[in-house]
Amino acid sequence: MGAPPATRLTPEMRSRKLVALDFIRRYFAKWGASPSYEEVAAGLGVSKQRAGEIIHQLAVDQMIRRVAGKRRGIALIDRADEISEAEALVILARQGWTIGDAAALTKNGLHGLPHLDHPAE
């Protein structure tokens, strides 16, 4: 399982810490699980030690939680953010929603959102 491509700093992302948080959120969205420190390091283009420092600072700032003793021990504060896109679509389908083109969700934004239509009751 490979990590998403590295993220470059944009004007909206003024620090490596925010880039790391964005990477972690996107990783959860894609895989439905926490990235390892190695994957965060690779995604950010930094050493594993530097990734650990950034993750520690995110936890100190209460932007994430770290779960002691787990290899993939990063948890998002809002647990709803930890669900993958595929799991979200399955949950919506189970609740009776008709889901259009799921491929319309892209990493560049929500262009052409899928049409969701709940059955009439």
PDB file of N, CA and C in Angstrom:
ATOM      1  N   MET A   1       0.856  -1.152   0.000  1.00  0.00           N
ATOM      2  CA  MET A   1       0.000   0.000   0.000  1.00  0.00           C
ATOM      3  C   MET A   1       0.903   1.215   0.000  1.00  0.00           C
ATOM      4  N   GLY A   2       0.840   2.032  -1.030  1.00  0.00           N
ATOM      5  CA  GLY A   2       1.687   3.206  -1.155  1.00  0.00           C
ATOM      6  C   GLY A   2       1.028   4.436  -0.586  1.00  0.00           C
ATOM      7  N   ALA A   3       1.843   5.384  -0.246  1.00  0.00           N
ATOM      8  CA  ALA A   3       1.344   6.646   0.305  1.00  0.00           C
ATOM      9  C   ALA A   3       0.957   7.582  -0.830  1.00  0.00           C
ATOM     10  N   PRO A   4      -0.014   8.491  -0.584  1.00  0.00           N
ATOM     11  CA  PRO A   4      -0.353   9.493  -1.588  1.00  0.00           C
ATOM     12  C   PRO A   4       0.873  10.352  -1.901  1.00  0.00           C
ATOM     13  N   PRO A   5       0.898  11.008  -3.060  1.00  0.00           N
ATOM     14  CA  PRO A   5       2.066  11.818  -3.426  1.00  0.00           C
ATOM     15  C   PRO A   5       2.323  12.948  -2.430  1.00  0.00           C
ATOM     16  N   ALA A   6       3.581  13.381  -2.359  1.00  0.00           N
ATOM     17  CA  ALA A   6       3.969  14.446  -1.442  1.00  0.00           C
ATOM     18  C   ALA A   6       3.200  15.729  -1.758  1.00  0.00           C
ATOM     19  N   THR A   7       2.913  16.495  -0.715  1.00  0.00           N
ATOM     20  CA  THR A   7       2.171  17.739  -0.846  1.00  0.00           C
ATOM     21  C   THR A   7       3.137  18.913  -0.806  1.00  0.00           C
ATOM     22  N   ARG A   8       2.980  19.845  -1.719  1.00  0.00           N
ATOM     23  CA  ARG A   8       3.798  21.059  -1.723  1.00  0.00           C
ATOM     24  C   ARG A   8       3.096  22.139  -0.908  1.00  0.00           C
ATOM     25  N   LEU A   9       3.885  23.027  -0.321  1.00  0.00           N
ATOM     26  CA  LEU A   9       3.314  24.147   0.426  1.00  0.00           C
ATOM     27  C   LEU A   9       2.578  25.084  -0.526  1.00  0.00           C
ATOM     28  N   THR A  10       1.402  25.501  -0.127  1.00  0.00           N
ATOM     29  CA  THR A  10       0.624  26.479  -0.879  1.00  0.00           C
ATOM     30  C   THR A  10       0.443  27.694   0.027  1.00  0.00           C
ATOM     31  N   PRO A  11      -0.039  28.818  -0.510  1.00  0.00           N
ATOM     32  CA  PRO A  11      -0.251  29.984   0.361  1.00  0.00           C
ATOM     33  C   PRO A  11      -1.177  29.692   1.541  1.00  0.00           C
ATOM     34  N   GLU A  12      -2.117  28.769   1.358  1.00  0.00           N
ATOM     35  CA  GLU A  12      -3.042  28.435   2.438  1.00  0.00           C
ATOM     36  C   GLU A  12      -2.373  27.584   3.508  1.00  0.00           C
ATOM     37  N   MET A  13      -1.284  26.921   3.170  1.00  0.00           N
ATOM     38  CA  MET A  13      -0.588  26.041   4.102  1.00  0.00           C
ATOM     39  C   MET A  13       0.743  26.680   4.460  1.00  0.00           C
ATOM     40  N   ARG A  14       0.774  27.380   5.560  1.00  0.00           N
ATOM     41  CA  ARG A  14       1.953  28.167   5.892  1.00  0.00           C
ATOM     42  C   ARG A  14       3.002  27.401   6.688  1.00  0.00           C
ATOM     43  N   SER A  15       2.722  26.170   7.057  1.00  0.00           N
ATOM     44  CA  SER A  15       3.707  25.440   7.838  1.00  0.00           C
ATOM     45  C   SER A  15       3.719  23.969   7.454  1.00  0.00           C
ATOM     46  N   ARG A  16       4.825  23.335   7.715  1.00  0.00           N
ATOM     47  CA  ARG A  16       4.971  21.901   7.468  1.00  0.00           C
ATOM     48  C   ARG A  16       3.974  21.124   8.319  1.00  0.00           C
ATOM     49  N   LYS A  17       3.642  21.661   9.505  1.00  0.00           N
ATOM     50  CA  LYS A  17       2.679  21.012  10.397  1.00  0.00           C
ATOM     51  C   LYS A  17       1.313  20.908   9.730  1.00  0.00           C
ATOM     52  N   LEU A  18       0.871  21.980   9.076  1.00  0.00           N
ATOM     53  CA  LEU A  18      -0.429  21.943   8.396  1.00  0.00           C
ATOM     54  C   LEU A  18      -0.395  21.034   7.171  1.00  0.00           C
ATOM     55  N   VAL A  19       0.752  20.985   6.511  1.00  0.00           N
ATOM     56  CA  VAL A  19       0.900  20.054   5.381  1.00  0.00           C
ATOM     57  C   VAL A  19       0.783  18.624   5.900  1.00  0.00           C
ATOM     58  N   ALA A  20       1.413  18.353   7.045  1.00  0.00           N
ATOM     59  CA  ALA A  20       1.343  17.012   7.633  1.00  0.00           C
ATOM     60  C   ALA A  20      -0.090  16.659   8.005  1.00  0.00           C
ATOM     61  N   LEU A  21      -0.819  17.598   8.605  1.00  0.00           N
ATOM     62  CA  LEU A  21      -2.210  17.348   8.976  1.00  0.00           C
ATOM     63  C   LEU A  21      -3.048  17.068   7.727  1.00  0.00           C
ATOM     64  N   ASP A  22      -2.828  17.829   6.670  1.00  0.00           N
ATOM     65  CA  ASP A  22      -3.534  17.595   5.411  1.00  0.00           C
ATOM     66  C   ASP A  22      -3.198  16.203   4.866  1.00  0.00           C
ATOM     67  N   PHE A  23      -1.929  15.826   4.910  1.00  0.00           N
ATOM     68  CA  PHE A  23      -1.517  14.506   4.435  1.00  0.00           C
ATOM     69  C   PHE A  23      -2.216  13.407   5.234  1.00  0.00           C
ATOM     70  N   ILE A  24      -2.229  13.550   6.559  1.00  0.00           N
ATOM     71  CA  ILE A  24      -2.849  12.535   7.422  1.00  0.00           C
ATOM     72  C   ILE A  24      -4.336  12.428   7.122  1.00  0.00           C
ATOM     73  N   ARG A  25      -5.016  13.542   6.966  1.00  0.00           N
ATOM     74  CA  ARG A  25      -6.453  13.512   6.644  1.00  0.00           C
ATOM     75  C   ARG A  25      -6.708  12.846   5.292  1.00  0.00           C
ATOM     76  N   ARG A  26      -5.888  13.202   4.284  1.00  0.00           N
ATOM     77  CA  ARG A  26      -6.060  12.584   2.961  1.00  0.00           C
ATOM     78  C   ARG A  26      -5.757  11.090   3.010  1.00  0.00           C
ATOM     79  N   TYR A  27      -4.787  10.694   3.811  1.00  0.00           N
ATOM     80  CA  TYR A  27      -4.451   9.281   3.950  1.00  0.00           C
ATOM     81  C   TYR A  27      -5.636   8.517   4.540  1.00  0.00           C
ATOM     82  N   PHE A  28      -6.218   9.075   5.617  1.00  0.00           N
ATOM     83  CA  PHE A  28      -7.407   8.447   6.205  1.00  0.00           C
ATOM     84  C   PHE A  28      -8.528   8.361   5.176  1.00  0.00           C
ATOM     85  N   ALA A  29      -8.741   9.428   4.390  1.00  0.00           N
ATOM     86  CA  ALA A  29      -9.817   9.431   3.393  1.00  0.00           C
ATOM     87  C   ALA A  29      -9.592   8.348   2.352  1.00  0.00           C
ATOM     88  N   LYS A  30      -8.346   8.141   1.963  1.00  0.00           N
ATOM     89  CA  LYS A  30      -8.062   7.143   0.932  1.00  0.00           C
ATOM     90  C   LYS A  30      -8.052   5.719   1.472  1.00  0.00           C
ATOM     91  N   TRP A  31      -7.425   5.523   2.644  1.00  0.00           N
ATOM     92  CA  TRP A  31      -7.199   4.167   3.145  1.00  0.00           C
ATOM     93  C   TRP A  31      -8.065   3.789   4.337  1.00  0.00           C
ATOM     94  N   GLY A  32      -8.686   4.748   5.006  1.00  0.00           N
ATOM     95  CA  GLY A  32      -9.507   4.440   6.176  1.00  0.00           C
ATOM     96  C   GLY A  32      -8.687   3.983   7.370  1.00  0.00           C
ATOM     97  N   ALA A  33      -7.401   4.289   7.374  1.00  0.00           N
ATOM     98  CA  ALA A  33      -6.507   3.907   8.467  1.00  0.00           C
ATOM     99  C   ALA A  33      -5.431   4.970   8.617  1.00  0.00           C
ATOM    100  N   SER A  34      -4.740   4.907   9.743  1.00  0.00           N
ATOM    101  CA  SER A  34      -3.677   5.863  10.019  1.00  0.00           C
ATOM    102  C   SER A  34      -2.442   5.566   9.188  1.00  0.00           C
ATOM    103  N   PRO A  35      -1.756   6.611   8.723  1.00  0.00           N
ATOM    104  CA  PRO A  35      -0.461   6.379   8.088  1.00  0.00           C
ATOM    105  C   PRO A  35       0.581   6.069   9.160  1.00  0.00           C
ATOM    106  N   SER A  36       1.607   5.333   8.776  1.00  0.00           N
ATOM    107  CA  SER A  36       2.730   5.113   9.680  1.00  0.00           C
ATOM    108  C   SER A  36       3.612   6.360   9.663  1.00  0.00           C
ATOM    109  N   TYR A  37       4.524   6.462  10.615  1.00  0.00           N
ATOM    110  CA  TYR A  37       5.454   7.586  10.626  1.00  0.00           C
ATOM    111  C   TYR A  37       6.295   7.581   9.350  1.00  0.00           C
ATOM    112  N   GLU A  38       6.660   6.386   8.874  1.00  0.00           N
ATOM    113  CA  GLU A  38       7.445   6.277   7.644  1.00  0.00           C
ATOM    114  C   GLU A  38       6.676   6.832   6.452  1.00  0.00           C
ATOM    115  N   GLU A  39       5.377   6.549   6.393  1.00  0.00           N
ATOM    116  CA  GLU A  39       4.555   7.047   5.294  1.00  0.00           C
ATOM    117  C   GLU A  39       4.379   8.565   5.374  1.00  0.00           C
ATOM    118  N   VAL A  40       4.244   9.091   6.589  1.00  0.00           N
ATOM    119  CA  VAL A  40       4.162  10.542   6.743  1.00  0.00           C
ATOM    120  C   VAL A  40       5.472  11.166   6.279  1.00  0.00           C
ATOM    121  N   ALA A  41       6.594  10.576   6.691  1.00  0.00           N
ATOM    122  CA  ALA A  41       7.908  11.097   6.287  1.00  0.00           C
ATOM    123  C   ALA A  41       8.038  11.088   4.767  1.00  0.00           C
ATOM    124  N   ALA A  42       7.672   9.968   4.138  1.00  0.00           N
ATOM    125  CA  ALA A  42       7.770   9.871   2.678  1.00  0.00           C
ATOM    126  C   ALA A  42       6.830  10.866   2.002  1.00  0.00           C
ATOM    127  N   GLY A  43       5.629  11.008   2.519  1.00  0.00           N
ATOM    128  CA  GLY A  43       4.658  11.932   1.938  1.00  0.00           C
ATOM    129  C   GLY A  43       5.075  13.384   2.039  1.00  0.00           C
ATOM    130  N   LEU A  44       5.823  13.711   3.095  1.00  0.00           N
ATOM    131  CA  LEU A  44       6.263  15.090   3.298  1.00  0.00           C
ATOM    132  C   LEU A  44       7.655  15.347   2.742  1.00  0.00           C
ATOM    133  N   GLY A  45       8.356  14.261   2.411  1.00  0.00           N
ATOM    134  CA  GLY A  45       9.715  14.415   1.911  1.00  0.00           C
ATOM    135  C   GLY A  45      10.694  14.814   3.009  1.00  0.00           C
ATOM    136  N   VAL A  46      10.468  14.304   4.230  1.00  0.00           N
ATOM    137  CA  VAL A  46      11.344  14.591   5.364  1.00  0.00           C
ATOM    138  C   VAL A  46      11.806  13.277   5.978  1.00  0.00           C
ATOM    139  N   SER A  47      12.725  13.355   6.935  1.00  0.00           N
ATOM    140  CA  SER A  47      13.192  12.151   7.627  1.00  0.00           C
ATOM    141  C   SER A  47      12.105  11.632   8.566  1.00  0.00           C
ATOM    142  N   LYS A  48      12.237  10.366   8.966  1.00  0.00           N
ATOM    143  CA  LYS A  48      11.284   9.786   9.910  1.00  0.00           C
ATOM    144  C   LYS A  48      11.344  10.544  11.242  1.00  0.00           C
ATOM    145  N   GLN A  49      12.543  10.957  11.649  1.00  0.00           N
ATOM    146  CA  GLN A  49      12.692  11.710  12.885  1.00  0.00           C
ATOM    147  C   GLN A  49      11.941  13.044  12.798  1.00  0.00           C
ATOM    148  N   ARG A  50      12.088  13.742  11.683  1.00  0.00           N
ATOM    149  CA  ARG A  50      11.394  15.028  11.505  1.00  0.00           C
ATOM    150  C   ARG A  50       9.882  14.814  11.465  1.00  0.00           C
ATOM    151  N   ALA A  51       9.441  13.746  10.804  1.00  0.00           N
ATOM    152  CA  ALA A  51       8.006  13.436  10.771  1.00  0.00           C
ATOM    153  C   ALA A  51       7.489  13.193  12.183  1.00  0.00           C
ATOM    154  N   GLY A  52       8.278  12.492  13.004  1.00  0.00           N
ATOM    155  CA  GLY A  52       7.891  12.248  14.390  1.00  0.00           C
ATOM    156  C   GLY A  52       7.759  13.536  15.184  1.00  0.00           C
ATOM    157  N   GLU A  53       8.671  14.476  14.943  1.00  0.00           N
ATOM    158  CA  GLU A  53       8.606  15.774  15.615  1.00  0.00           C
ATOM    159  C   GLU A  53       7.343  16.538  15.206  1.00  0.00           C
ATOM    160  N   ILE A  54       7.031  16.497  13.932  1.00  0.00           N
ATOM    161  CA  ILE A  54       5.840  17.195  13.426  1.00  0.00           C
ATOM    162  C   ILE A  54       4.580  16.559  14.009  1.00  0.00           C
ATOM    163  N   ILE A  55       4.529  15.230  14.027  1.00  0.00           N
ATOM    164  CA  ILE A  55       3.366  14.521  14.581  1.00  0.00           C
ATOM    165  C   ILE A  55       3.225  14.833  16.064  1.00  0.00           C
ATOM    166  N   HIS A  56       4.348  14.879  16.781  1.00  0.00           N
ATOM    167  CA  HIS A  56       4.318  15.233  18.204  1.00  0.00           C
ATOM    168  C   HIS A  56       3.731  16.636  18.386  1.00  0.00           C
ATOM    169  N   GLN A  57       4.164  17.590  17.570  1.00  0.00           N
ATOM    170  CA  GLN A  57       3.654  18.958  17.683  1.00  0.00           C
ATOM    171  C   GLN A  57       2.162  19.027  17.358  1.00  0.00           C
ATOM    172  N   LEU A  58       1.712  18.253  16.365  1.00  0.00           N
ATOM    173  CA  LEU A  58       0.278  18.205  16.056  1.00  0.00           C
ATOM    174  C   LEU A  58      -0.508  17.693  17.268  1.00  0.00           C
ATOM    175  N   ALA A  59       0.043  16.705  17.971  1.00  0.00           N
ATOM    176  CA  ALA A  59      -0.625  16.160  19.157  1.00  0.00           C
ATOM    177  C   ALA A  59      -0.630  17.177  20.295  1.00  0.00           C
ATOM    178  N   VAL A  60       0.491  17.868  20.498  1.00  0.00           N
ATOM    179  CA  VAL A  60       0.569  18.899  21.538  1.00  0.00           C
ATOM    180  C   VAL A  60      -0.459  19.991  21.270  1.00  0.00           C
ATOM    181  N   ASP A  61      -0.624  20.352  20.002  1.00  0.00           N
ATOM    182  CA  ASP A  61      -1.591  21.384  19.618  1.00  0.00           C
ATOM    183  C   ASP A  61      -3.023  20.841  19.532  1.00  0.00           C
ATOM    184  N   GLN A  62      -3.205  19.581  19.895  1.00  0.00           N
ATOM    185  CA  GLN A  62      -4.507  18.900  19.896  1.00  0.00           C
ATOM    186  C   GLN A  62      -5.184  18.907  18.534  1.00  0.00           C
ATOM    187  N   MET A  63      -4.375  18.762  17.488  1.00  0.00           N
ATOM    188  CA  MET A  63      -4.909  18.655  16.132  1.00  0.00           C
ATOM    189  C   MET A  63      -5.076  17.180  15.752  1.00  0.00           C
ATOM    190  N   ILE A  64      -4.329  16.313  16.430  1.00  0.00           N
ATOM    191  CA  ILE A  64      -4.446  14.862  16.303  1.00  0.00           C
ATOM    192  C   ILE A  64      -4.237  14.266  17.685  1.00  0.00           C
ATOM    193  N   ARG A  65      -4.484  12.952  17.806  1.00  0.00           N
ATOM    194  CA  ARG A  65      -4.151  12.210  19.016  1.00  0.00           C
ATOM    195  C   ARG A  65      -3.172  11.119  18.621  1.00  0.00           C
ATOM    196  N   ARG A  66      -2.247  10.812  19.502  1.00  0.00           N
ATOM    197  CA  ARG A  66      -1.350   9.683  19.267  1.00  0.00           C
ATOM    198  C   ARG A  66      -1.776   8.553  20.181  1.00  0.00           C
ATOM    199  N   VAL A  67      -1.822   7.338  19.641  1.00  0.00           N
ATOM    200  CA  VAL A  67      -2.198   6.158  20.397  1.00  0.00           C
ATOM    201  C   VAL A  67      -0.917   5.410  20.714  1.00  0.00           C
ATOM    202  N   ALA A  68      -0.551   5.378  21.978  1.00  0.00           N
ATOM    203  CA  ALA A  68       0.705   4.770  22.402  1.00  0.00           C
ATOM    204  C   ALA A  68       0.737   3.272  22.085  1.00  0.00           C
ATOM    205  N   GLY A  69       1.902   2.819  21.629  1.00  0.00           N
ATOM    206  CA  GLY A  69       2.115   1.385  21.404  1.00  0.00           C
ATOM    207  C   GLY A  69       1.597   0.843  20.084  1.00  0.00           C
ATOM    208  N   LYS A  70       1.035   1.693  19.235  1.00  0.00           N
ATOM    209  CA  LYS A  70       0.528   1.231  17.942  1.00  0.00           C
ATOM    210  C   LYS A  70       1.415   1.750  16.832  1.00  0.00           C
ATOM    211  N   ARG A  71       1.748   0.877  15.871  1.00  0.00           N
ATOM    212  CA  ARG A  71       2.569   1.289  14.735  1.00  0.00           C
ATOM    213  C   ARG A  71       1.875   2.391  13.938  1.00  0.00           C
ATOM    214  N   ARG A  72       0.604   2.261  13.758  1.00  0.00           N
ATOM    215  CA  ARG A  72      -0.194   3.287  13.067  1.00  0.00           C
ATOM    216  C   ARG A  72      -1.042   3.997  14.117  1.00  0.00           C
ATOM    217  N   GLY A  73      -0.347   4.667  15.026  1.00  0.00           N
ATOM    218  CA  GLY A  73      -0.984   5.229  16.208  1.00  0.00           C
ATOM    219  C   GLY A  73      -1.372   6.683  16.099  1.00  0.00           C
ATOM    220  N   ILE A  74      -1.779   7.116  14.935  1.00  0.00           N
ATOM    221  CA  ILE A  74      -2.250   8.497  14.763  1.00  0.00           C
ATOM    222  C   ILE A  74      -3.768   8.437  14.634  1.00  0.00           C
ATOM    223  N   ALA A  75      -4.457   9.252  15.431  1.00  0.00           N
ATOM    224  CA  ALA A  75      -5.913   9.328  15.339  1.00  0.00           C
ATOM    225  C   ALA A  75      -6.301  10.787  15.155  1.00  0.00           C
ATOM    226  N   LEU A  76      -7.304  11.017  14.343  1.00  0.00           N
ATOM    227  CA  LEU A  76      -7.807  12.376  14.145  1.00  0.00           C
ATOM    228  C   LEU A  76      -8.747  12.723  15.293  1.00  0.00           C
ATOM    229  N   ILE A  77      -8.787  13.983  15.656  1.00  0.00           N
ATOM    230  CA  ILE A  77      -9.645  14.430  16.756  1.00  0.00           C
ATOM    231  C   ILE A  77     -11.108  14.118  16.436  1.00  0.00           C
ATOM    232  N   ASP A  78     -11.535  14.416  15.219  1.00  0.00           N
ATOM    233  CA  ASP A  78     -12.893  14.095  14.780  1.00  0.00           C
ATOM    234  C   ASP A  78     -12.856  12.713  14.141  1.00  0.00           C
ATOM    235  N   ARG A  79     -13.320  11.706  14.873  1.00  0.00           N
ATOM    236  CA  ARG A  79     -13.247  10.321  14.392  1.00  0.00           C
ATOM    237  C   ARG A  79     -13.982  10.124  13.060  1.00  0.00           C
ATOM    238  N   ALA A  80     -14.937  10.985  12.745  1.00  0.00           N
ATOM    239  CA  ALA A  80     -15.647  10.866  11.468  1.00  0.00           C
ATOM    240  C   ALA A  80     -14.708  11.074  10.290  1.00  0.00           C
ATOM    241  N   ASP A  81     -13.603  11.809  10.486  1.00  0.00           N
ATOM    242  CA  ASP A  81     -12.630  12.045   9.421  1.00  0.00           C
ATOM    243  C   ASP A  81     -11.804  10.808   9.107  1.00  0.00           C
ATOM    244  N   GLU A  82     -11.900   9.764   9.946  1.00  0.00           N
ATOM    245  CA  GLU A  82     -11.090   8.574   9.760  1.00  0.00           C
ATOM    246  C   GLU A  82     -11.732   7.550   8.826  1.00  0.00           C
ATOM    247  N   ILE A  83     -12.902   7.832   8.350  1.00  0.00           N
ATOM    248  CA  ILE A  83     -13.582   6.905   7.444  1.00  0.00           C
ATOM    249  C   ILE A  83     -13.114   7.155   6.011  1.00  0.00           C
ATOM    250  N   SER A  84     -12.922   6.087   5.261  1.00  0.00           N
ATOM    251  CA  SER A  84     -12.484   6.247   3.871  1.00  0.00           C
ATOM    252  C   SER A  84     -13.662   6.666   2.999  1.00  0.00           C
ATOM    253  N   GLU A  85     -13.350   7.206   1.830  1.00  0.00           N
ATOM    254  CA  GLU A  85     -14.404   7.593   0.890  1.00  0.00           C
ATOM    255  C   GLU A  85     -15.244   6.384   0.503  1.00  0.00           C
ATOM    256  N   ALA A  86     -14.584   5.242   0.294  1.00  0.00           N
ATOM    257  CA  ALA A  86     -15.310   4.023  -0.096  1.00  0.00           C
ATOM    258  C   ALA A  86     -16.272   3.599   1.007  1.00  0.00           C
ATOM    259  N   GLU A  87     -15.826   3.662   2.273  1.00  0.00           N
ATOM    260  CA  GLU A  87     -16.700   3.295   3.387  1.00  0.00           C
ATOM    261  C   GLU A  87     -17.882   4.259   3.491  1.00  0.00           C
ATOM    262  N   ALA A  88     -17.640   5.543   3.253  1.00  0.00           N
ATOM    263  CA  ALA A  88     -18.719   6.526   3.312  1.00  0.00           C
ATOM    264  C   ALA A  88     -19.774   6.232   2.246  1.00  0.00           C
ATOM    265  N   LEU A  89     -19.331   5.872   1.052  1.00  0.00           N
ATOM    266  CA  LEU A  89     -20.278   5.557  -0.023  1.00  0.00           C
ATOM    267  C   LEU A  89     -21.080   4.300   0.294  1.00  0.00           C
ATOM    268  N   VAL A  90     -20.441   3.317   0.912  1.00  0.00           N
ATOM    269  CA  VAL A  90     -21.152   2.086   1.306  1.00  0.00           C
ATOM    270  C   VAL A  90     -22.203   2.413   2.362  1.00  0.00           C
ATOM    271  N   ILE A  91     -21.854   3.229   3.336  1.00  0.00           N
ATOM    272  CA  ILE A  91     -22.807   3.611   4.385  1.00  0.00           C
ATOM    273  C   ILE A  91     -23.997   4.343   3.783  1.00  0.00           C
ATOM    274  N   LEU A  92     -23.752   5.274   2.865  1.00  0.00           N
ATOM    275  CA  LEU A  92     -24.844   6.002   2.213  1.00  0.00           C
ATOM    276  C   LEU A  92     -25.740   5.048   1.425  1.00  0.00           C
ATOM    277  N   ALA A  93     -25.133   4.109   0.713  1.00  0.00           N
ATOM    278  CA  ALA A  93     -25.913   3.139  -0.064  1.00  0.00           C
ATOM    279  C   ALA A  93     -26.777   2.284   0.860  1.00  0.00           C
ATOM    280  N   ARG A  94     -26.248   1.867   1.998  1.00  0.00           N
ATOM    281  CA  ARG A  94     -27.015   1.061   2.960  1.00  0.00           C
ATOM    282  C   ARG A  94     -28.199   1.832   3.521  1.00  0.00           C
ATOM    283  N   GLN A  95     -28.066   3.161   3.585  1.00  0.00           N
ATOM    284  CA  GLN A  95     -29.154   3.988   4.107  1.00  0.00           C
ATOM    285  C   GLN A  95     -30.177   4.348   3.036  1.00  0.00           C
ATOM    286  N   GLY A  96     -29.986   3.807   1.842  1.00  0.00           N
ATOM    287  CA  GLY A  96     -30.979   4.007   0.798  1.00  0.00           C
ATOM    288  C   GLY A  96     -30.668   5.101  -0.201  1.00  0.00           C
ATOM    289  N   TRP A  97     -29.507   5.728  -0.090  1.00  0.00           N
ATOM    290  CA  TRP A  97     -29.142   6.772  -1.032  1.00  0.00           C
ATOM    291  C   TRP A  97     -28.691   6.157  -2.340  1.00  0.00           C
ATOM    292  N   THR A  98     -29.080   6.784  -3.439  1.00  0.00           N
ATOM    293  CA  THR A  98     -28.599   6.389  -4.753  1.00  0.00           C
ATOM    294  C   THR A  98     -27.361   7.221  -5.025  1.00  0.00           C
ATOM    295  N   ILE A  99     -26.286   6.543  -5.330  1.00  0.00           N
ATOM    296  CA  ILE A  99     -25.014   7.233  -5.501  1.00  0.00           C
ATOM    297  C   ILE A  99     -24.640   7.211  -6.970  1.00  0.00           C
ATOM    298  N   GLY A 100     -24.428   8.417  -7.523  1.00  0.00           N
ATOM    299  CA  GLY A 100     -24.054   8.542  -8.929  1.00  0.00           C
ATOM    300  C   GLY A 100     -22.592   8.220  -9.128  1.00  0.00           C
ATOM    301  N   ASP A 101     -21.929   9.004  -9.927  1.00  0.00           N
ATOM    302  CA  ASP A 101     -20.541   8.784 -10.306  1.00  0.00           C
ATOM    303  C   ASP A 101     -19.600   9.113  -9.157  1.00  0.00           C
ATOM    304  N   ALA A 102     -19.173   8.100  -8.405  1.00  0.00           N
ATOM    305  CA  ALA A 102     -18.275   8.306  -7.271  1.00  0.00           C
ATOM    306  C   ALA A 102     -16.904   8.761  -7.742  1.00  0.00           C
ATOM    307  N   ALA A 103     -16.541   8.471  -8.983  1.00  0.00           N
ATOM    308  CA  ALA A 103     -15.242   8.881  -9.501  1.00  0.00           C
ATOM    309  C   ALA A 103     -15.148  10.394  -9.661  1.00  0.00           C
ATOM    310  N   ALA A 104     -16.274  11.084  -9.515  1.00  0.00           N
ATOM    311  CA  ALA A 104     -16.256  12.536  -9.643  1.00  0.00           C
ATOM    312  C   ALA A 104     -15.533  13.199  -8.477  1.00  0.00           C
ATOM    313  N   LEU A 105     -15.338  12.468  -7.379  1.00  0.00           N
ATOM    314  CA  LEU A 105     -14.588  13.006  -6.258  1.00  0.00           C
ATOM    315  C   LEU A 105     -13.110  12.898  -6.592  1.00  0.00           C
ATOM    316  N   THR A 106     -12.431  14.016  -6.640  1.00  0.00           N
ATOM    317  CA  THR A 106     -11.028  13.998  -7.024  1.00  0.00           C
ATOM    318  C   THR A 106     -10.170  14.646  -5.963  1.00  0.00           C
ATOM    319  N   LYS A 107      -8.865  14.388  -6.029  1.00  0.00           N
ATOM    320  CA  LYS A 107      -7.959  14.987  -5.059  1.00  0.00           C
ATOM    321  C   LYS A 107      -7.805  16.489  -5.291  1.00  0.00           C
ATOM    322  N   ASN A 108      -8.247  16.987  -6.432  1.00  0.00           N
ATOM    323  CA  ASN A 108      -8.149  18.411  -6.735  1.00  0.00           C
ATOM    324  C   ASN A 108      -9.396  19.172  -6.320  1.00  0.00           C
ATOM    325  N   GLY A 109     -10.294  18.512  -5.626  1.00  0.00           N
ATOM    326  CA  GLY A 109     -11.514  19.179  -5.187  1.00  0.00           C
ATOM    327  C   GLY A 109     -12.726  18.356  -5.551  1.00  0.00           C
ATOM    328  N   LEU A 110     -13.869  18.876  -5.216  1.00  0.00           N
ATOM    329  CA  LEU A 110     -15.111  18.144  -5.448  1.00  0.00           C
ATOM    330  C   LEU A 110     -15.768  18.643  -6.730  1.00  0.00           C
ATOM    331  N   HIS A 111     -15.150  18.311  -7.845  1.00  0.00           N
ATOM    332  CA  HIS A 111     -15.703  18.697  -9.141  1.00  0.00           C
ATOM    333  C   HIS A 111     -16.758  17.682  -9.538  1.00  0.00           C
ATOM    334  N   GLY A 112     -17.904  18.136  -9.959  1.00  0.00           N
ATOM    335  CA  GLY A 112     -18.956  17.235 -10.405  1.00  0.00           C
ATOM    336  C   GLY A 112     -19.367  16.273  -9.311  1.00  0.00           C
ATOM    337  N   LEU A 113     -19.829  16.797  -8.189  1.00  0.00           N
ATOM    338  CA  LEU A 113     -20.234  15.933  -7.085  1.00  0.00           C
ATOM    339  C   LEU A 113     -21.212  14.872  -7.553  1.00  0.00           C
ATOM    340  N   PRO A 114     -21.141  13.669  -6.970  1.00  0.00           N
ATOM    341  CA  PRO A 114     -22.090  12.633  -7.364  1.00  0.00           C
ATOM    342  C   PRO A 114     -23.498  13.058  -6.965  1.00  0.00           C
ATOM    343  N   HIS A 115     -24.445  12.644  -7.759  1.00  0.00           N
ATOM    344  CA  HIS A 115     -25.845  12.958  -7.485  1.00  0.00           C
ATOM    345  C   HIS A 115     -26.329  11.988  -6.420  1.00  0.00           C
ATOM    346  N   LEU A 116     -26.809  12.530  -5.302  1.00  0.00           N
ATOM    347  CA  LEU A 116     -27.365  11.706  -4.224  1.00  0.00           C
ATOM    348  C   LEU A 116     -28.873  11.941  -4.191  1.00  0.00           C
ATOM    349  N   ASP A 117     -29.623  10.876  -4.244  1.00  0.00           N
ATOM    350  CA  ASP A 117     -31.062  10.998  -4.246  1.00  0.00           C
ATOM    351  C   ASP A 117     -31.627   9.982  -3.277  1.00  0.00           C
ATOM    352  N   HIS A 118     -32.248  10.438  -2.209  1.00  0.00           N
ATOM    353  CA  HIS A 118     -32.831   9.540  -1.224  1.00  0.00           C
ATOM    354  C   HIS A 118     -34.201   9.094  -1.718  1.00  0.00           C
ATOM    355  N   PRO A 119     -34.513   7.812  -1.601  1.00  0.00           N
ATOM    356  CA  PRO A 119     -35.820   7.341  -2.079  1.00  0.00           C
ATOM    357  C   PRO A 119     -36.976   8.008  -1.321  1.00  0.00           C
ATOM    358  N   ALA A 120     -38.025   8.290  -2.046  1.00  0.00           N
ATOM    359  CA  ALA A 120     -39.214   8.908  -1.434  1.00  0.00           C
ATOM    360  C   ALA A 120     -39.855   7.912  -0.472  1.00  0.00           C
ATOM    361  N   GLU A 121     -40.337   8.438   0.609  1.00  0.00           N
ATOM    362  CA  GLU A 121     -40.971   7.557   1.613  1.00  0.00           C
ATOM    363  C   GLU A 121     -42.432   7.801   1.689  1.00  0.00           C
TER     364      GLU A 121
END
